[in-house]
Protein backbone atom coordinates (compact mmCIF):
# COMPACT_ATOMS: atom_id res chain seq x y z
CA MET A 1 110.18 153.66 76.99
CA LYS A 2 107.53 151.33 75.72
CA THR A 3 104.68 150.60 78.13
CA LEU A 4 102.07 148.05 78.27
CA VAL A 5 98.96 148.69 80.34
CA THR A 6 96.37 146.42 81.81
CA HIS A 7 94.18 146.25 84.86
CA ILE A 8 95.24 145.26 88.28
CA ASN A 9 94.65 141.61 88.98
CA PRO A 10 94.89 140.67 85.37
CA HIS A 11 93.20 137.68 83.80
CA LEU A 12 94.98 134.94 81.72
CA ASP A 13 93.79 136.79 78.48
CA ASP A 14 95.44 140.11 79.69
CA ILE A 15 98.64 138.21 80.49
CA ALA A 16 98.43 136.44 77.20
CA SER A 17 98.21 139.78 75.35
CA ILE A 18 101.26 141.04 77.26
CA TRP A 19 103.19 137.96 76.41
CA LEU A 20 102.38 138.14 72.79
CA PHE A 21 103.52 141.70 72.50
CA LYS A 22 106.60 141.18 74.51
CA LYS A 23 107.54 138.00 72.70
CA PHE A 24 106.81 138.95 69.11
CA HIS A 25 106.76 142.72 68.80
CA PRO A 26 110.46 143.78 68.64
CA GLU A 27 109.87 147.21 69.94
CA PHE A 28 108.02 145.86 73.04
CA LYS A 29 110.50 143.16 74.04
CA ASP A 30 111.51 145.12 77.14
CA ALA A 31 108.38 147.05 77.63
CA LYS A 32 107.36 148.31 81.14
CA ILE A 33 104.19 146.93 82.44
CA GLU A 34 101.72 149.38 84.19
CA PHE A 35 98.67 148.35 86.09
CA ILE A 36 95.61 150.47 86.43
CA SER A 37 92.08 150.25 87.81
CA ALA A 38 89.78 148.83 85.11
CA SER A 39 88.71 151.57 82.85
CA ARG A 40 86.47 152.05 79.97
CA ASN A 41 87.99 155.00 78.35
CA GLN A 42 91.35 155.81 79.70
CA ALA A 43 93.07 154.63 76.44
CA THR A 44 91.15 157.17 74.37
CA THR A 45 93.24 159.94 75.88
CA GLU A 46 96.57 158.13 76.79
CA GLU A 47 97.13 155.41 74.34
CA SER A 48 99.99 156.08 71.78
CA GLU A 49 102.63 154.11 69.86
CA ASP A 50 104.59 153.96 72.96
CA LYS A 51 101.82 153.27 75.43
CA VAL A 52 99.47 150.42 74.61
CA PHE A 53 96.41 149.37 76.66
CA LEU A 54 95.51 145.62 76.84
CA GLY A 55 92.11 144.36 77.91
CA THR A 56 91.02 147.62 79.44
CA GLY A 57 90.74 151.36 78.70
CA GLY A 58 88.57 151.18 75.62
CA GLY A 59 91.48 151.00 73.13
CA LYS A 60 91.84 148.92 70.14
CA PHE A 61 92.96 145.82 72.25
CA ASP A 62 90.08 146.22 74.61
CA GLU A 63 87.57 143.28 73.91
CA HIS A 64 84.97 144.75 75.92
CA LYS A 65 83.88 147.01 73.10
CA GLU A 66 84.18 144.19 70.44
CA GLY A 67 81.33 141.79 71.37
CA LEU A 68 81.50 138.25 72.59
CA ASN A 69 83.66 136.51 69.91
CA THR A 70 87.09 138.15 70.56
CA CYS A 71 89.38 138.61 73.48
CA ALA A 72 92.36 140.93 74.01
CA GLY A 73 94.80 138.04 73.07
CA SER A 74 93.11 137.42 69.72
CA LEU A 75 93.08 141.12 68.88
CA VAL A 76 96.67 141.42 69.54
CA TYR A 77 97.60 138.19 67.72
CA ASP A 78 95.69 139.47 64.60
CA TYR A 79 97.43 142.81 64.84
CA LEU A 80 100.90 141.14 65.20
CA ARG A 81 100.16 138.82 62.28
CA GLN A 82 98.96 141.70 60.02
CA LYS A 83 102.22 143.50 60.85
CA GLY A 84 104.32 140.49 59.94
CA TYR A 85 105.74 140.05 63.52
CA ILE A 86 104.49 136.43 63.81
CA PRO A 87 107.14 133.86 62.66
CA GLN A 88 106.41 132.34 59.24
CA ASP A 89 107.24 128.86 59.96
CA GLU A 90 104.45 126.54 59.79
CA ILE A 91 104.98 124.60 63.09
CA THR A 92 105.11 127.92 65.14
CA GLN A 93 102.18 129.51 63.43
CA LYS A 94 99.74 126.40 63.97
CA ALA A 95 101.02 126.09 67.62
CA LEU A 96 100.17 129.71 68.24
CA GLU A 97 96.84 129.54 66.48
CA VAL A 98 96.01 126.67 68.94
CA LEU A 99 97.20 128.61 71.97
CA VAL A 100 95.27 131.88 70.89
CA GLU A 101 92.12 129.99 70.36
CA TRP A 102 92.40 128.16 73.69
CA ASN A 103 92.82 131.54 75.47
CA ARG A 104 89.82 132.91 73.51
CA LEU A 105 87.57 130.17 74.40
CA ILE A 106 88.51 130.47 78.19
CA ASP A 107 88.13 134.26 78.10
CA THR A 108 84.70 134.20 76.33
CA GLY A 109 83.30 131.51 78.52
CA LYS A 110 83.04 128.91 75.71
CA ALA A 111 85.76 126.46 76.88
CA PRO A 112 84.28 123.04 77.85
CA ASN A 113 83.53 122.69 81.41
CA SER A 114 86.22 120.93 83.46
CA GLN A 115 85.93 118.96 86.72
CA PHE A 116 89.54 120.05 87.38
CA ASP A 117 88.95 123.87 87.09
CA GLU A 118 90.72 124.44 90.43
CA PHE A 119 94.00 123.20 88.79
CA SER A 120 93.63 125.13 85.58
CA VAL A 121 95.93 127.90 84.47
CA GLN A 122 93.30 130.58 84.42
CA SER A 123 92.37 129.61 88.13
CA PHE A 124 95.75 129.65 89.65
CA ILE A 125 97.31 132.49 87.85
CA ARG A 126 95.26 135.19 89.51
CA CYS A 127 95.96 135.90 93.24
CA LYS A 128 93.01 138.37 93.40
CA ASP A 129 94.55 140.54 96.18
CA GLY A 130 94.51 143.71 93.96
CA THR A 131 98.12 144.85 94.56
CA PRO A 132 100.44 145.84 91.71
CA GLN A 133 103.21 143.73 93.23
CA ASN A 134 101.21 140.55 93.05
CA SER A 135 99.66 141.59 89.62
CA ASN A 136 103.29 141.71 88.41
CA ARG A 137 104.01 138.31 89.81
CA SER A 138 101.08 136.98 88.07
CA VAL A 139 102.33 138.25 84.79
CA GLU A 140 105.75 136.84 85.41
CA LEU A 141 104.22 133.30 86.22
CA GLY A 142 101.94 133.57 83.30
CA ILE A 143 104.59 134.52 80.80
CA GLU A 144 106.69 131.44 82.01
CA ILE A 145 103.71 129.05 81.63
CA LEU A 146 102.72 130.45 78.20
CA ASN A 147 106.29 130.01 76.98
CA ARG A 148 106.22 126.35 78.03
CA ILE A 149 102.80 125.76 76.62
CA LEU A 150 103.98 127.11 73.19
CA VAL A 151 106.96 124.70 73.42
CA VAL A 152 104.45 121.74 74.07
CA LEU A 153 102.14 122.94 71.26
CA LYS A 154 105.01 123.18 68.87
CA ARG A 155 106.07 119.65 69.73
CA LYS A 156 102.53 118.52 69.09
CA GLN A 157 102.62 120.13 65.56
CA GLN A 158 105.77 118.41 64.73
CA SER A 159 104.52 115.19 66.04
CA LEU A 160 101.69 115.50 63.64
CA LYS A 161 103.99 116.03 60.76
CA ASP A 162 106.21 113.07 61.96
CA TRP A 163 103.14 110.81 62.20
CA GLU A 164 102.28 111.30 58.52
CA LYS A 165 105.49 109.03 57.93
CA ARG A 166 104.63 106.46 60.45
CA LYS A 167 104.67 102.67 59.58
CA GLU A 168 101.59 100.69 60.24
CA PHE A 169 101.65 96.98 60.48
CA ALA A 170 99.88 94.02 62.03
CA THR A 171 101.33 92.12 65.13
CA LYS A 172 99.77 89.66 67.62
CA PHE A 173 99.21 92.67 69.96
CA GLY A 174 96.80 94.24 67.39
CA LYS A 175 97.04 97.54 65.43
CA SER A 176 100.67 98.56 65.56
CA PHE A 177 102.57 101.63 64.60
CA ALA A 178 106.28 102.64 64.42
CA VAL A 179 107.50 106.19 64.03
CA VAL A 180 110.83 108.11 63.80
CA SER A 181 110.45 111.18 65.69
CA GLU A 182 111.97 113.58 68.26
CA THR A 183 108.77 114.62 69.61
CA VAL A 184 106.13 111.89 69.43
CA ASP A 185 105.55 110.71 73.12
CA ARG A 186 103.09 108.40 74.85
CA GLU A 187 100.35 111.00 75.29
CA PHE A 188 100.50 111.68 71.52
CA CYS A 189 100.26 107.92 70.86
CA ARG A 190 97.17 107.51 73.11
CA GLU A 191 95.34 109.82 70.92
CA GLN A 192 96.07 107.66 67.78
CA GLY A 193 93.95 104.60 68.72
CA GLY A 194 96.41 101.95 68.41
CA ASP A 195 97.44 98.94 70.47
CA LEU A 196 101.16 98.98 70.13
CA PHE A 197 103.61 101.81 69.46
CA LEU A 198 107.32 101.84 68.59
CA MET A 199 108.98 105.25 69.03
CA TYR A 200 112.48 105.81 67.80
CA HIS A 201 114.32 108.99 68.48
CA PRO A 202 116.62 109.78 65.43
CA LYS A 203 119.02 112.07 67.37
CA TYR A 204 119.59 110.16 70.60
CA LYS A 205 118.89 106.65 69.11
CA SER A 206 116.62 105.99 72.10
CA VAL A 207 113.77 103.35 71.85
CA GLN A 208 110.47 102.94 73.50
CA PHE A 209 107.71 100.33 72.91
CA PHE A 210 104.38 101.41 74.49
CA THR A 211 100.94 100.15 74.80
CA PRO A 212 97.83 102.13 76.07
CA SER A 213 96.04 98.92 76.65
CA PHE A 214 95.62 97.57 80.24
CA GLU A 215 95.07 94.15 78.69
CA ILE A 216 98.60 93.93 77.07
CA ASP A 217 101.75 92.85 78.70
CA LEU A 218 104.98 93.92 76.97
CA GLU A 219 107.16 91.47 78.87
CA PRO A 220 107.57 89.20 75.78
CA ILE A 221 109.04 92.24 73.76
CA TYR A 222 111.43 92.97 76.60
CA THR A 223 112.59 89.37 76.71
CA LYS A 224 113.11 89.38 73.07
CA VAL A 225 115.17 92.53 72.68
CA LYS A 226 117.16 91.51 75.74
CA THR A 227 118.10 88.34 74.00
CA LEU A 228 118.97 90.00 70.74
CA ASP A 229 120.84 92.90 72.23
CA PRO A 230 121.94 91.92 75.93
CA GLU A 231 124.34 94.71 76.34
CA ALA A 232 121.91 97.43 75.79
CA SER A 233 120.09 99.11 78.80
CA TRP A 234 116.74 97.77 78.35
CA PHE A 235 114.17 98.63 80.97
CA LEU A 236 110.80 96.99 81.58
CA HIS A 237 108.39 99.47 83.32
CA GLN A 238 106.73 98.05 86.36
CA SER A 239 103.29 98.54 84.56
CA HIS A 240 104.62 96.12 81.79
CA HIS A 241 103.22 98.77 79.33
CA MET A 242 106.53 100.18 78.41
CA VAL A 243 109.95 98.92 77.27
CA ILE A 244 112.57 101.34 77.14
CA CYS A 245 116.17 101.78 76.13
CA GLY A 246 117.69 105.25 76.55
CA SER A 247 115.80 108.44 77.41
CA SER A 248 116.37 112.09 78.51
CA SER A 249 115.95 110.78 82.08
CA ALA A 250 118.73 108.40 81.75
CA PRO A 251 121.44 109.92 79.68
CA ASP A 252 123.99 107.20 80.56
CA SER A 253 122.04 104.50 79.17
CA LYS A 254 123.86 102.12 76.65
CA LEU A 255 121.89 102.31 73.44
CA THR A 256 120.70 99.41 71.38
CA LYS A 257 122.47 98.42 68.28
CA LEU A 258 119.20 97.17 66.70
CA SER A 259 117.98 99.26 63.81
CA PHE A 260 114.48 100.87 63.46
CA GLU A 261 113.54 98.11 60.91
CA GLU A 262 114.88 95.32 63.28
CA LEU A 263 112.91 96.62 66.18
CA ILE A 264 109.75 96.47 64.01
CA GLU A 265 110.58 92.83 63.30
CA VAL A 266 110.82 92.09 66.89
CA THR A 267 107.22 93.12 67.42
CA LYS A 268 106.23 90.66 64.78
CA LEU A 269 108.14 87.78 66.18
CA VAL A 270 106.66 87.70 69.74
CA ASP A 271 104.80 84.59 70.69
CA LYS A 272 101.17 85.33 70.17
CA HIS A 273 100.17 83.35 73.38
CA SER A 274 102.45 85.44 75.72
CA HIS A 275 101.16 88.95 75.44
CA ILE A 276 97.84 88.97 77.41
CA SER A 277 98.24 89.79 81.07
């Protein structure tokens, strides 16, 4: 049976190495995980094709003998890529590169300081009690978290591709954008530096108008779409920064009959004197 070995009370980097092996190496999908006391040379006598040491033991995936620019996760990723085990699609590759680099910066102490360190993945993933049972629980939790992070990063990469086809136009609200995408969300829009965003989901036909500005009130847009399509399930968020019709949180909503192009025109027709709160 294949075995992955790391030290008791593993760091995020050690867990990321395990995750990469189990997720992408076809022979290690069901590998057993073994925890040992941190060692400098145990791998030199015990490592084999069936037993791989990660982040300890002095083996080929032990960063402690590699200097300060690598970590176990980056060593494993490079190995898996050279072997052709990393998926070839551009979205997954770019997402993995971001994840591996994030992990490397944390493990090498080069990540930017954070005032919320107590809430970080690397902080709460380690229980630090030194038992194999809790080390295993840390790995299980870490694998679940990393799986979800990869999904988020793949969505971000898809959003970047979709954003290339965005429509940019002027409205009385300021710099405005409209995009058709299954993945672009409010947090992505905040990073783009606009005043008004229209997001249209092509699969579910859901719609969201959004402004990141505290100076803008979207009630005029709500009033306009409610007039044009009164049967649709329009919702004005209490912040007045979002106008929504249909979402994954409200699957029973009645969708709008207005097209993407018609929704763009709505933003251009709103009274210029009624958008400032």
